[in-house]
Amino acid sequence: MLDLSNPKKLKQFKRLNLFALTTMVWTRAFHWVYLCFDLYYTWYLEKAWSFLIVGGFLSMLFTMFSYACCIKPYYKKWKKFLNVSAEHEQLSEDASPAMKRESVLKLDEAVADLLAGDGGMSELVELVEPIFIKRRTSRRQSMPLPSRKRGSLVMLQHSKSFGGDAIKKDL
């Protein structure tokens, strides 16, 4: 964990969060739009109108979700953090200990918002996460696999899909 009272660590934290914001905007905005238009163009050339309509609608919904739940909240928190850190950095050396403590508390609060806030996604995760929990199957609740015998394979060879009638006629 970075000690944000140290000016070097504060700058490093700013750079890391700028990198995270840039990555999020690049992948969820620019690269996503490029991929969507590539698909739209392909569907248009192939005259796949149903794919174009349904895909356009779904990608528009995902774009709105991505902006509203990912990009916008993270940008607001990042901007708030920059404002609070600028106030913290502008404190003069002769500032009272109470002002310094208040500035550090605001900075810590902004960092907590930046790191912990997920735009309301935690409720969604709580609903969906139990689906993906790996469970061990009880033998009592499972059916045994049927045993494969060589006779069943011989019968399969004599079936109609394998030309079984032709084999019988040749005999």
C-alpha atoms as a PDB file:
ATOM      1  CA  MET A   1       0.000   0.000   0.000  1.00  0.00           C
ATOM      2  CA  LEU A   2       1.282   3.439  -0.836  1.00  0.00           C
ATOM      3  CA  ASP A   3       1.815   6.015   1.915  1.00  0.00           C
ATOM      4  CA  LEU A   4       0.096   9.062   0.414  1.00  0.00           C
ATOM      5  CA  SER A   5       1.556  11.452   2.955  1.00  0.00           C
ATOM      6  CA  ASN A   6       4.860  10.929   1.120  1.00  0.00           C
ATOM      7  CA  PRO A   7       4.907  13.246  -1.950  1.00  0.00           C
ATOM      8  CA  LYS A   8       6.694  10.656  -4.144  1.00  0.00           C
ATOM      9  CA  LYS A   9       4.124   7.996  -3.313  1.00  0.00           C
ATOM     10  CA  LEU A  10       1.295  10.460  -3.931  1.00  0.00           C
ATOM     11  CA  LYS A  11       2.638  11.186  -7.431  1.00  0.00           C
ATOM     12  CA  GLN A  12       3.007   7.469  -8.089  1.00  0.00           C
ATOM     13  CA  PHE A  13      -0.579   6.913  -6.969  1.00  0.00           C
ATOM     14  CA  LYS A  14      -1.762   9.680  -9.325  1.00  0.00           C
ATOM     15  CA  ARG A  15       0.131   8.142 -12.240  1.00  0.00           C
ATOM     16  CA  LEU A  16      -1.216   4.663 -11.540  1.00  0.00           C
ATOM     17  CA  ASN A  17      -4.793   5.917 -11.367  1.00  0.00           C
ATOM     18  CA  LEU A  18      -4.322   7.959 -14.544  1.00  0.00           C
ATOM     19  CA  PHE A  19      -3.096   4.776 -16.214  1.00  0.00           C
ATOM     20  CA  ALA A  20      -6.160   2.882 -14.929  1.00  0.00           C
ATOM     21  CA  LEU A  21      -8.498   5.619 -16.178  1.00  0.00           C
ATOM     22  CA  THR A  22      -6.765   5.739 -19.559  1.00  0.00           C
ATOM     23  CA  THR A  23      -6.983   1.970 -19.907  1.00  0.00           C
ATOM     24  CA  MET A  24     -10.652   1.984 -18.961  1.00  0.00           C
ATOM     25  CA  VAL A  25     -11.508   4.767 -21.411  1.00  0.00           C
ATOM     26  CA  TRP A  26      -9.454   3.144 -24.174  1.00  0.00           C
ATOM     27  CA  THR A  27     -10.968  -0.323 -23.798  1.00  0.00           C
ATOM     28  CA  ARG A  28     -14.536   0.690 -22.928  1.00  0.00           C
ATOM     29  CA  ALA A  29     -14.833   3.598 -25.351  1.00  0.00           C
ATOM     30  CA  PHE A  30     -12.407   3.797 -28.274  1.00  0.00           C
ATOM     31  CA  HIS A  31     -11.612   0.127 -28.800  1.00  0.00           C
ATOM     32  CA  TRP A  32     -15.231  -0.911 -28.161  1.00  0.00           C
ATOM     33  CA  VAL A  33     -16.539   1.583 -30.736  1.00  0.00           C
ATOM     34  CA  TYR A  34     -13.991   0.366 -33.288  1.00  0.00           C
ATOM     35  CA  LEU A  35     -15.037  -3.262 -32.760  1.00  0.00           C
ATOM     36  CA  CYS A  36     -18.736  -2.391 -32.980  1.00  0.00           C
ATOM     37  CA  PHE A  37     -18.364  -0.497 -36.233  1.00  0.00           C
ATOM     38  CA  ASP A  38     -16.264  -3.316 -37.655  1.00  0.00           C
ATOM     39  CA  LEU A  39     -19.099  -5.734 -36.865  1.00  0.00           C
ATOM     40  CA  TYR A  40     -21.744  -3.326 -38.183  1.00  0.00           C
ATOM     41  CA  TYR A  41     -19.847  -2.920 -41.431  1.00  0.00           C
ATOM     42  CA  THR A  42     -19.457  -6.703 -41.835  1.00  0.00           C
ATOM     43  CA  TRP A  43     -23.160  -7.284 -41.184  1.00  0.00           C
ATOM     44  CA  TYR A  44     -24.064  -4.480 -43.597  1.00  0.00           C
ATOM     45  CA  LEU A  45     -21.925  -5.947 -46.388  1.00  0.00           C
ATOM     46  CA  GLU A  46     -23.383  -9.412 -45.813  1.00  0.00           C
ATOM     47  CA  LYS A  47     -26.898  -7.942 -45.668  1.00  0.00           C
ATOM     48  CA  ALA A  48     -27.481  -9.582 -42.285  1.00  0.00           C
ATOM     49  CA  TRP A  49     -30.136  -7.076 -41.278  1.00  0.00           C
ATOM     50  CA  SER A  50     -31.381  -8.950 -38.239  1.00  0.00           C
ATOM     51  CA  PHE A  51     -27.840  -9.174 -36.841  1.00  0.00           C
ATOM     52  CA  LEU A  52     -27.333  -5.495 -37.574  1.00  0.00           C
ATOM     53  CA  ILE A  53     -30.524  -4.447 -35.781  1.00  0.00           C
ATOM     54  CA  VAL A  54     -30.214  -6.754 -32.770  1.00  0.00           C
ATOM     55  CA  GLY A  55     -26.456  -6.296 -32.491  1.00  0.00           C
ATOM     56  CA  GLY A  56     -26.745  -2.535 -32.811  1.00  0.00           C
ATOM     57  CA  PHE A  57     -29.367  -2.400 -30.086  1.00  0.00           C
ATOM     58  CA  LEU A  58     -27.408  -4.667 -27.713  1.00  0.00           C
ATOM     59  CA  SER A  59     -24.125  -2.878 -28.293  1.00  0.00           C
ATOM     60  CA  MET A  60     -25.859   0.458 -27.678  1.00  0.00           C
ATOM     61  CA  LEU A  61     -27.181  -0.888 -24.348  1.00  0.00           C
ATOM     62  CA  PHE A  62     -23.733  -2.134 -23.363  1.00  0.00           C
ATOM     63  CA  THR A  63     -22.170   1.185 -24.381  1.00  0.00           C
ATOM     64  CA  MET A  64     -24.603   3.095 -22.165  1.00  0.00           C
ATOM     65  CA  PHE A  65     -23.947   0.666 -19.289  1.00  0.00           C
ATOM     66  CA  SER A  66     -20.200   0.972 -19.735  1.00  0.00           C
ATOM     67  CA  TYR A  67     -20.335   4.761 -19.722  1.00  0.00           C
ATOM     68  CA  ALA A  68     -22.830   5.106 -16.865  1.00  0.00           C
ATOM     69  CA  CYS A  69     -21.438   2.421 -14.560  1.00  0.00           C
ATOM     70  CA  CYS A  70     -17.716   2.389 -15.345  1.00  0.00           C
ATOM     71  CA  ILE A  71     -16.263   5.412 -17.095  1.00  0.00           C
ATOM     72  CA  LYS A  72     -18.297   8.267 -15.603  1.00  0.00           C
ATOM     73  CA  PRO A  73     -18.126   7.197 -11.915  1.00  0.00           C
ATOM     74  CA  TYR A  74     -14.419   6.416 -12.105  1.00  0.00           C
ATOM     75  CA  TYR A  75     -13.692   9.731 -13.810  1.00  0.00           C
ATOM     76  CA  LYS A  76     -15.665  11.655 -11.150  1.00  0.00           C
ATOM     77  CA  LYS A  77     -13.799   9.892  -8.335  1.00  0.00           C
ATOM     78  CA  TRP A  78     -10.463  10.448 -10.054  1.00  0.00           C
ATOM     79  CA  LYS A  79     -11.261  14.155 -10.525  1.00  0.00           C
ATOM     80  CA  LYS A  80     -12.297  14.467  -6.861  1.00  0.00           C
ATOM     81  CA  PHE A  81      -9.050  12.796  -5.826  1.00  0.00           C
ATOM     82  CA  LEU A  82      -7.025  15.235  -7.968  1.00  0.00           C
ATOM     83  CA  ASN A  83      -8.780  18.225  -6.402  1.00  0.00           C
ATOM     84  CA  VAL A  84      -8.247  16.957  -2.848  1.00  0.00           C
ATOM     85  CA  SER A  85      -4.620  16.062  -3.520  1.00  0.00           C
ATOM     86  CA  ALA A  86      -4.011  19.512  -5.030  1.00  0.00           C
ATOM     87  CA  GLU A  87      -5.388  21.091  -1.849  1.00  0.00           C
ATOM     88  CA  HIS A  88      -3.155  18.816   0.208  1.00  0.00           C
ATOM     89  CA  GLU A  89      -0.058  19.701  -1.823  1.00  0.00           C
ATOM     90  CA  GLN A  90      -0.760  23.443  -1.591  1.00  0.00           C
ATOM     91  CA  LEU A  91      -0.681  23.447   2.193  1.00  0.00           C
ATOM     92  CA  SER A  92       2.182  25.576   3.353  1.00  0.00           C
ATOM     93  CA  GLU A  93       4.806  24.260   5.719  1.00  0.00           C
ATOM     94  CA  ASP A  94       3.625  26.588   8.482  1.00  0.00           C
ATOM     95  CA  ALA A  95       0.004  25.319   8.313  1.00  0.00           C
ATOM     96  CA  SER A  96      -1.507  24.315  11.618  1.00  0.00           C
ATOM     97  CA  PRO A  97      -1.481  20.624  12.572  1.00  0.00           C
ATOM     98  CA  ALA A  98      -5.289  20.632  12.562  1.00  0.00           C
ATOM     99  CA  MET A  99      -5.356  21.816   8.929  1.00  0.00           C
ATOM    100  CA  LYS A 100      -2.769  19.198   7.935  1.00  0.00           C
ATOM    101  CA  ARG A 101      -4.722  16.459   9.700  1.00  0.00           C
ATOM    102  CA  GLU A 102      -7.967  17.589   8.028  1.00  0.00           C
ATOM    103  CA  SER A 103      -6.231  17.620   4.639  1.00  0.00           C
ATOM    104  CA  VAL A 104      -4.862  14.102   5.157  1.00  0.00           C
ATOM    105  CA  LEU A 105      -8.296  12.860   6.254  1.00  0.00           C
ATOM    106  CA  LYS A 106      -9.892  14.344   3.112  1.00  0.00           C
ATOM    107  CA  LEU A 107      -7.158  12.773   1.007  1.00  0.00           C
ATOM    108  CA  ASP A 108      -7.705   9.383   2.644  1.00  0.00           C
ATOM    109  CA  GLU A 109     -11.461   9.686   2.079  1.00  0.00           C
ATOM    110  CA  ALA A 110     -10.940  10.528  -1.599  1.00  0.00           C
ATOM    111  CA  VAL A 111      -8.565   7.565  -1.972  1.00  0.00           C
ATOM    112  CA  ALA A 112     -11.087   5.255  -0.304  1.00  0.00           C
ATOM    113  CA  ASP A 113     -13.798   6.499  -2.689  1.00  0.00           C
ATOM    114  CA  LEU A 114     -11.512   6.013  -5.660  1.00  0.00           C
ATOM    115  CA  LEU A 115     -10.499   2.491  -4.706  1.00  0.00           C
ATOM    116  CA  ALA A 116     -13.662   1.120  -3.130  1.00  0.00           C
ATOM    117  CA  GLY A 117     -16.426   2.645  -5.197  1.00  0.00           C
ATOM    118  CA  ASP A 118     -17.674   0.437  -7.971  1.00  0.00           C
ATOM    119  CA  GLY A 119     -20.690   2.342  -9.257  1.00  0.00           C
ATOM    120  CA  GLY A 120     -23.229   0.025  -7.613  1.00  0.00           C
ATOM    121  CA  MET A 121     -21.690  -3.118  -9.052  1.00  0.00           C
ATOM    122  CA  SER A 122     -21.218  -4.795  -5.664  1.00  0.00           C
ATOM    123  CA  GLU A 123     -24.944  -5.599  -5.436  1.00  0.00           C
ATOM    124  CA  LEU A 124     -24.809  -7.202  -8.880  1.00  0.00           C
ATOM    125  CA  VAL A 125     -21.750  -9.208  -7.898  1.00  0.00           C
ATOM    126  CA  GLU A 126     -23.504 -10.464  -4.765  1.00  0.00           C
ATOM    127  CA  LEU A 127     -26.370 -11.726  -6.919  1.00  0.00           C
ATOM    128  CA  VAL A 128     -24.285 -13.347  -9.647  1.00  0.00           C
ATOM    129  CA  GLU A 129     -21.296 -14.687  -7.720  1.00  0.00           C
ATOM    130  CA  PRO A 130     -23.065 -17.694  -6.117  1.00  0.00           C
ATOM    131  CA  ILE A 131     -23.714 -19.073  -9.604  1.00  0.00           C
ATOM    132  CA  PHE A 132     -20.000 -19.534 -10.217  1.00  0.00           C
ATOM    133  CA  ILE A 133     -19.062 -21.148  -6.907  1.00  0.00           C
ATOM    134  CA  LYS A 134     -17.475 -24.513  -7.558  1.00  0.00           C
ATOM    135  CA  ARG A 135     -19.466 -27.179  -5.788  1.00  0.00           C
ATOM    136  CA  ARG A 136     -18.596 -30.805  -5.244  1.00  0.00           C
ATOM    137  CA  THR A 137     -21.202 -33.183  -6.565  1.00  0.00           C
ATOM    138  CA  SER A 138     -22.488 -35.781  -4.167  1.00  0.00           C
ATOM    139  CA  ARG A 139     -22.441 -39.344  -5.491  1.00  0.00           C
ATOM    140  CA  ARG A 140     -25.924 -39.841  -4.117  1.00  0.00           C
ATOM    141  CA  GLN A 141     -27.275 -37.123  -6.397  1.00  0.00           C
ATOM    142  CA  SER A 142     -25.609 -38.292  -9.591  1.00  0.00           C
ATOM    143  CA  MET A 143     -26.432 -41.152 -11.897  1.00  0.00           C
ATOM    144  CA  PRO A 144     -23.755 -43.733 -12.696  1.00  0.00           C
ATOM    145  CA  LEU A 145     -22.341 -43.653 -16.193  1.00  0.00           C
ATOM    146  CA  PRO A 146     -23.638 -46.486 -18.347  1.00  0.00           C
ATOM    147  CA  SER A 147     -20.976 -49.060 -18.976  1.00  0.00           C
ATOM    148  CA  ARG A 148     -19.825 -49.305 -22.565  1.00  0.00           C
ATOM    149  CA  LYS A 149     -19.688 -52.818 -23.886  1.00  0.00           C
ATOM    150  CA  ARG A 150     -18.177 -54.032 -27.081  1.00  0.00           C
ATOM    151  CA  GLY A 151     -21.515 -55.504 -28.101  1.00  0.00           C
ATOM    152  CA  SER A 152     -23.098 -52.073 -28.298  1.00  0.00           C
ATOM    153  CA  LEU A 153     -20.381 -50.962 -30.723  1.00  0.00           C
ATOM    154  CA  VAL A 154     -20.973 -54.035 -32.893  1.00  0.00           C
ATOM    155  CA  MET A 155     -24.689 -53.254 -32.945  1.00  0.00           C
ATOM    156  CA  LEU A 156     -23.885 -49.674 -33.940  1.00  0.00           C
ATOM    157  CA  GLN A 157     -21.902 -50.907 -36.940  1.00  0.00           C
ATOM    158  CA  HIS A 158     -24.933 -52.858 -38.138  1.00  0.00           C
ATOM    159  CA  SER A 159     -27.268 -49.889 -37.876  1.00  0.00           C
ATOM    160  CA  LYS A 160     -28.755 -48.187 -40.941  1.00  0.00           C
ATOM    161  CA  SER A 161     -26.622 -45.060 -40.597  1.00  0.00           C
ATOM    162  CA  PHE A 162     -23.498 -47.185 -41.005  1.00  0.00           C
ATOM    163  CA  GLY A 163     -24.852 -49.143 -43.951  1.00  0.00           C
ATOM    164  CA  GLY A 164     -26.076 -52.043 -41.863  1.00  0.00           C
ATOM    165  CA  ASP A 165     -28.538 -53.102 -44.581  1.00  0.00           C
ATOM    166  CA  ALA A 166     -25.708 -53.469 -47.081  1.00  0.00           C
ATOM    167  CA  ILE A 167     -23.805 -55.725 -44.670  1.00  0.00           C
ATOM    168  CA  LYS A 168     -26.821 -57.999 -44.189  1.00  0.00           C
ATOM    169  CA  LYS A 169     -27.433 -58.237 -47.961  1.00  0.00           C
ATOM    170  CA  ASP A 170     -23.824 -59.246 -48.583  1.00  0.00           C
ATOM    171  CA  LEU A 171     -24.076 -62.080 -46.070  1.00  0.00           C
END
